[in-house]
Amino acid sequence: MGEPVSVIQKPSSQHGKVRFETNRSFTGMGHERYDVDDPITGDRPPDLVAKLMFGSGKVERVHVYAQTVTVQLKAGADADGLKELLEDMYIYYKPGVEVPTEESFSS
């Protein structure tokens, strides 16, 4: 259940940065910046994007603006798997997850 996010991964002109262009706006017209050492306390879409990226262990900084996510990779890290994290962001029932039934909601 859920809808996949369409993501196009593009290299940046700056070494170690990768840009992801999506079909979802995560911030509207605002810019959101995150550093790996800063706590992320919110649950807004850009907060979730940053949590996903940092959870990979490959990312040092995240910038989210509308439908564009730009990440600064950690030294020596590659971007493998980051695109898929964004694509699956709104997929709720993944393999191995039990789908709820009507009975599970009525108790």
N, C-alpha and C. Protein backbone atom coordinates (compact mmCIF):
# COMPACT_ATOMS: atom_id res chain seq x y z
N MET A 1 0.85 -1.17 0.00
CA MET A 1 0.00 0.00 0.00
C MET A 1 0.89 1.23 0.00
N GLY A 2 0.41 2.28 -0.55
CA GLY A 2 1.19 3.50 -0.67
C GLY A 2 1.57 3.72 -2.12
N GLU A 3 2.19 4.83 -2.37
CA GLU A 3 2.57 5.16 -3.73
C GLU A 3 4.06 5.45 -3.80
N PRO A 4 4.76 4.82 -4.74
CA PRO A 4 6.19 5.08 -4.84
C PRO A 4 6.46 6.51 -5.28
N VAL A 5 7.57 7.04 -4.86
CA VAL A 5 8.02 8.36 -5.28
C VAL A 5 8.88 8.17 -6.51
N SER A 6 8.63 8.95 -7.55
CA SER A 6 9.46 8.90 -8.75
C SER A 6 10.70 9.74 -8.50
N VAL A 7 11.88 9.17 -8.72
CA VAL A 7 13.13 9.85 -8.39
C VAL A 7 14.10 9.75 -9.57
N ILE A 8 14.70 10.90 -9.91
CA ILE A 8 15.78 10.94 -10.89
C ILE A 8 17.03 11.39 -10.14
N GLN A 9 18.07 10.58 -10.19
CA GLN A 9 19.33 10.90 -9.52
C GLN A 9 20.25 11.61 -10.50
N LYS A 10 20.80 12.76 -10.06
CA LYS A 10 21.69 13.53 -10.93
C LYS A 10 22.96 13.88 -10.16
N PRO A 11 24.09 13.81 -10.84
CA PRO A 11 25.33 14.23 -10.18
C PRO A 11 25.36 15.75 -10.05
N SER A 12 26.09 16.22 -9.09
CA SER A 12 26.26 17.66 -8.89
C SER A 12 27.60 18.08 -9.47
N SER A 13 27.74 19.36 -9.73
CA SER A 13 29.04 19.87 -10.20
C SER A 13 30.04 19.91 -9.05
N GLN A 14 29.56 19.78 -7.82
CA GLN A 14 30.43 19.78 -6.65
C GLN A 14 30.71 18.34 -6.22
N HIS A 15 31.98 18.04 -6.02
CA HIS A 15 32.40 16.68 -5.65
C HIS A 15 31.73 16.23 -4.35
N GLY A 16 31.19 15.00 -4.35
CA GLY A 16 30.60 14.43 -3.15
C GLY A 16 29.15 14.81 -2.92
N LYS A 17 28.57 15.58 -3.83
CA LYS A 17 27.15 15.93 -3.71
C LYS A 17 26.35 15.21 -4.78
N VAL A 18 25.14 14.81 -4.40
CA VAL A 18 24.23 14.14 -5.31
C VAL A 18 22.87 14.80 -5.17
N ARG A 19 22.20 14.99 -6.29
CA ARG A 19 20.87 15.62 -6.29
C ARG A 19 19.83 14.61 -6.74
N PHE A 20 18.70 14.62 -6.04
CA PHE A 20 17.58 13.76 -6.38
C PHE A 20 16.38 14.65 -6.70
N GLU A 21 15.83 14.50 -7.89
CA GLU A 21 14.64 15.25 -8.29
C GLU A 21 13.46 14.28 -8.24
N THR A 22 12.40 14.67 -7.53
CA THR A 22 11.27 13.78 -7.29
C THR A 22 9.98 14.36 -7.84
N ASN A 23 8.93 13.55 -7.80
CA ASN A 23 7.60 14.02 -8.21
C ASN A 23 6.76 14.45 -7.01
N ARG A 24 7.40 14.67 -5.88
CA ARG A 24 6.72 15.12 -4.66
C ARG A 24 7.38 16.38 -4.14
N SER A 25 6.59 17.32 -3.68
CA SER A 25 7.14 18.48 -3.01
C SER A 25 7.17 18.19 -1.52
N PHE A 26 8.35 18.23 -0.93
CA PHE A 26 8.51 17.93 0.48
C PHE A 26 8.43 19.17 1.36
N THR A 27 8.72 20.35 0.80
CA THR A 27 8.80 21.55 1.63
C THR A 27 7.93 22.71 1.15
N GLY A 28 7.27 22.61 0.04
CA GLY A 28 6.63 23.80 -0.50
C GLY A 28 7.73 24.70 -1.03
N MET A 29 7.72 25.98 -0.64
CA MET A 29 8.72 26.92 -1.13
C MET A 29 9.84 27.17 -0.13
N GLY A 30 9.88 26.45 0.97
CA GLY A 30 10.91 26.66 1.99
C GLY A 30 12.11 25.75 1.79
N HIS A 31 13.26 26.21 2.26
CA HIS A 31 14.49 25.41 2.27
C HIS A 31 14.64 24.78 3.65
N GLU A 32 15.05 23.53 3.69
CA GLU A 32 15.33 22.85 4.96
C GLU A 32 16.74 22.26 4.86
N ARG A 33 17.56 22.54 5.87
CA ARG A 33 18.93 22.05 5.90
C ARG A 33 19.15 21.23 7.17
N TYR A 34 19.87 20.12 7.01
CA TYR A 34 20.12 19.22 8.12
C TYR A 34 21.58 18.80 8.11
N ASP A 35 22.16 18.69 9.28
CA ASP A 35 23.52 18.20 9.45
C ASP A 35 23.45 16.90 10.25
N VAL A 36 24.31 15.97 9.96
CA VAL A 36 24.27 14.65 10.59
C VAL A 36 24.33 14.73 12.11
N ASP A 37 24.98 15.74 12.66
CA ASP A 37 25.13 15.85 14.11
C ASP A 37 23.97 16.57 14.80
N ASP A 38 23.08 17.17 14.02
CA ASP A 38 21.94 17.90 14.60
C ASP A 38 20.77 16.96 14.83
N PRO A 39 20.10 17.07 15.98
CA PRO A 39 18.91 16.22 16.21
C PRO A 39 17.76 16.64 15.30
N ILE A 40 17.02 15.66 14.83
CA ILE A 40 15.83 15.92 14.01
C ILE A 40 14.64 15.48 14.85
N THR A 41 13.88 16.44 15.34
CA THR A 41 12.80 16.12 16.26
C THR A 41 11.43 16.08 15.59
N GLY A 42 11.30 16.63 14.40
CA GLY A 42 10.01 16.70 13.74
C GLY A 42 9.69 15.47 12.92
N ASP A 43 8.45 15.42 12.44
CA ASP A 43 7.99 14.32 11.58
C ASP A 43 7.40 14.85 10.27
N ARG A 44 7.80 16.06 9.88
CA ARG A 44 7.34 16.60 8.61
C ARG A 44 8.05 15.86 7.47
N PRO A 45 7.53 15.92 6.26
CA PRO A 45 8.19 15.22 5.15
C PRO A 45 9.68 15.52 4.99
N PRO A 46 10.14 16.79 5.08
CA PRO A 46 11.59 16.98 4.94
C PRO A 46 12.38 16.36 6.10
N ASP A 47 11.78 16.32 7.29
CA ASP A 47 12.43 15.66 8.43
C ASP A 47 12.59 14.17 8.15
N LEU A 48 11.56 13.56 7.59
CA LEU A 48 11.61 12.12 7.28
C LEU A 48 12.65 11.84 6.21
N VAL A 49 12.74 12.73 5.20
CA VAL A 49 13.75 12.57 4.16
C VAL A 49 15.14 12.58 4.79
N ALA A 50 15.40 13.55 5.65
CA ALA A 50 16.71 13.66 6.29
C ALA A 50 17.00 12.43 7.16
N LYS A 51 16.01 11.97 7.90
CA LYS A 51 16.21 10.78 8.75
C LYS A 51 16.57 9.56 7.89
N LEU A 52 15.89 9.40 6.76
CA LEU A 52 16.19 8.29 5.86
C LEU A 52 17.62 8.37 5.34
N MET A 53 18.00 9.56 4.90
CA MET A 53 19.34 9.74 4.33
C MET A 53 20.43 9.50 5.38
N PHE A 54 20.26 10.06 6.57
CA PHE A 54 21.26 9.86 7.62
C PHE A 54 21.28 8.41 8.10
N GLY A 55 20.13 7.75 8.07
CA GLY A 55 20.04 6.36 8.48
C GLY A 55 20.86 5.42 7.59
N SER A 56 21.19 5.88 6.40
CA SER A 56 22.00 5.06 5.49
C SER A 56 23.45 4.98 5.95
N GLY A 57 23.87 5.96 6.77
CA GLY A 57 25.26 6.00 7.20
C GLY A 57 26.21 6.59 6.17
N LYS A 58 25.68 7.05 5.03
CA LYS A 58 26.51 7.55 3.94
C LYS A 58 26.49 9.06 3.79
N VAL A 59 25.60 9.73 4.52
CA VAL A 59 25.32 11.14 4.25
C VAL A 59 25.74 12.02 5.42
N GLU A 60 26.34 13.16 5.09
CA GLU A 60 26.79 14.12 6.09
C GLU A 60 25.84 15.31 6.22
N ARG A 61 25.28 15.77 5.08
CA ARG A 61 24.35 16.90 5.09
C ARG A 61 23.23 16.65 4.11
N VAL A 62 22.05 17.23 4.41
CA VAL A 62 20.88 17.11 3.54
C VAL A 62 20.27 18.49 3.36
N HIS A 63 19.92 18.81 2.13
CA HIS A 63 19.20 20.04 1.82
C HIS A 63 17.96 19.63 1.04
N VAL A 64 16.79 20.08 1.51
CA VAL A 64 15.53 19.75 0.84
C VAL A 64 14.87 21.06 0.43
N TYR A 65 14.55 21.18 -0.84
CA TYR A 65 13.84 22.35 -1.35
C TYR A 65 12.79 21.86 -2.34
N ALA A 66 11.53 22.02 -1.96
CA ALA A 66 10.42 21.58 -2.80
C ALA A 66 10.58 20.11 -3.14
N GLN A 67 10.77 19.78 -4.42
CA GLN A 67 10.87 18.38 -4.82
C GLN A 67 12.32 17.93 -5.05
N THR A 68 13.29 18.75 -4.65
CA THR A 68 14.70 18.43 -4.85
C THR A 68 15.40 18.16 -3.52
N VAL A 69 16.11 17.04 -3.46
CA VAL A 69 16.88 16.65 -2.28
C VAL A 69 18.35 16.60 -2.71
N THR A 70 19.19 17.37 -2.03
CA THR A 70 20.62 17.36 -2.31
C THR A 70 21.34 16.85 -1.07
N VAL A 71 22.24 15.89 -1.27
CA VAL A 71 22.97 15.32 -0.14
C VAL A 71 24.47 15.50 -0.34
N GLN A 72 25.15 15.75 0.75
CA GLN A 72 26.62 15.75 0.79
C GLN A 72 27.01 14.40 1.37
N LEU A 73 27.70 13.62 0.58
CA LEU A 73 28.13 12.29 1.02
C LEU A 73 29.30 12.40 1.98
N LYS A 74 29.40 11.44 2.87
CA LYS A 74 30.57 11.34 3.74
C LYS A 74 31.77 10.97 2.88
N ALA A 75 32.95 11.33 3.34
CA ALA A 75 34.18 11.02 2.60
C ALA A 75 34.25 9.52 2.31
N GLY A 76 34.46 9.17 1.06
CA GLY A 76 34.60 7.78 0.66
C GLY A 76 33.29 7.05 0.43
N ALA A 77 32.16 7.68 0.71
CA ALA A 77 30.85 7.02 0.54
C ALA A 77 30.35 7.19 -0.89
N ASP A 78 29.50 6.26 -1.32
CA ASP A 78 28.84 6.39 -2.62
C ASP A 78 27.34 6.55 -2.41
N ALA A 79 26.63 6.85 -3.46
CA ALA A 79 25.20 7.12 -3.37
C ALA A 79 24.35 5.87 -3.59
N ASP A 80 24.97 4.71 -3.69
CA ASP A 80 24.21 3.48 -3.93
C ASP A 80 23.15 3.28 -2.86
N GLY A 81 21.90 3.08 -3.28
CA GLY A 81 20.80 2.79 -2.38
C GLY A 81 20.03 4.01 -1.89
N LEU A 82 20.57 5.21 -2.05
CA LEU A 82 19.87 6.41 -1.57
C LEU A 82 18.63 6.71 -2.39
N LYS A 83 18.71 6.53 -3.69
CA LYS A 83 17.55 6.77 -4.57
C LYS A 83 16.39 5.86 -4.15
N GLU A 84 16.70 4.61 -3.86
CA GLU A 84 15.67 3.65 -3.48
C GLU A 84 15.01 4.01 -2.14
N LEU A 85 15.77 4.60 -1.23
CA LEU A 85 15.18 5.04 0.04
C LEU A 85 14.07 6.06 -0.21
N LEU A 86 14.32 7.00 -1.11
CA LEU A 86 13.29 8.00 -1.44
C LEU A 86 12.12 7.37 -2.19
N GLU A 87 12.42 6.47 -3.11
CA GLU A 87 11.36 5.83 -3.89
C GLU A 87 10.39 5.06 -3.01
N ASP A 88 10.90 4.44 -1.96
CA ASP A 88 10.08 3.60 -1.08
C ASP A 88 9.55 4.35 0.14
N MET A 89 9.76 5.65 0.21
CA MET A 89 9.41 6.43 1.40
C MET A 89 7.94 6.29 1.81
N TYR A 90 7.05 6.20 0.84
CA TYR A 90 5.62 6.12 1.14
C TYR A 90 5.02 4.74 0.85
N ILE A 91 5.87 3.72 0.76
CA ILE A 91 5.39 2.35 0.62
C ILE A 91 5.29 1.78 2.03
N TYR A 92 4.09 1.48 2.47
CA TYR A 92 3.87 1.07 3.86
C TYR A 92 3.92 -0.42 4.08
N TYR A 93 3.44 -1.19 3.12
CA TYR A 93 3.38 -2.63 3.29
C TYR A 93 4.43 -3.27 2.41
N LYS A 94 5.58 -3.53 2.99
CA LYS A 94 6.70 -4.11 2.28
C LYS A 94 6.73 -5.61 2.54
N PRO A 95 7.49 -6.39 1.77
CA PRO A 95 7.57 -7.82 2.02
C PRO A 95 7.89 -8.12 3.47
N GLY A 96 7.11 -9.05 4.04
CA GLY A 96 7.31 -9.43 5.43
C GLY A 96 6.45 -8.67 6.41
N VAL A 97 5.78 -7.61 5.97
CA VAL A 97 4.90 -6.83 6.84
C VAL A 97 3.47 -7.35 6.67
N GLU A 98 2.86 -7.71 7.78
CA GLU A 98 1.50 -8.25 7.73
C GLU A 98 0.49 -7.13 7.45
N VAL A 99 -0.34 -7.35 6.45
CA VAL A 99 -1.36 -6.38 6.08
C VAL A 99 -2.52 -6.49 7.08
N PRO A 100 -2.97 -5.37 7.67
CA PRO A 100 -4.06 -5.45 8.63
C PRO A 100 -5.38 -5.87 7.97
N THR A 101 -6.21 -6.54 8.75
CA THR A 101 -7.54 -6.95 8.29
C THR A 101 -8.58 -6.12 9.04
N GLU A 102 -9.83 -6.23 8.63
CA GLU A 102 -10.90 -5.52 9.32
C GLU A 102 -10.98 -5.95 10.78
N GLU A 103 -10.75 -7.22 11.05
CA GLU A 103 -10.82 -7.72 12.42
C GLU A 103 -9.76 -7.06 13.32
N SER A 104 -8.62 -6.76 12.76
CA SER A 104 -7.56 -6.17 13.61
C SER A 104 -7.91 -4.74 14.02
N PHE A 105 -8.81 -4.09 13.32
CA PHE A 105 -9.22 -2.73 13.67
C PHE A 105 -10.44 -2.71 14.60
N SER A 106 -11.16 -3.82 14.68
CA SER A 106 -12.40 -3.84 15.47
C SER A 106 -12.20 -4.23 16.93
N SER A 107 -11.01 -4.64 17.31
CA SER A 107 -10.81 -5.06 18.71
C SER A 107 -10.43 -3.93 19.62
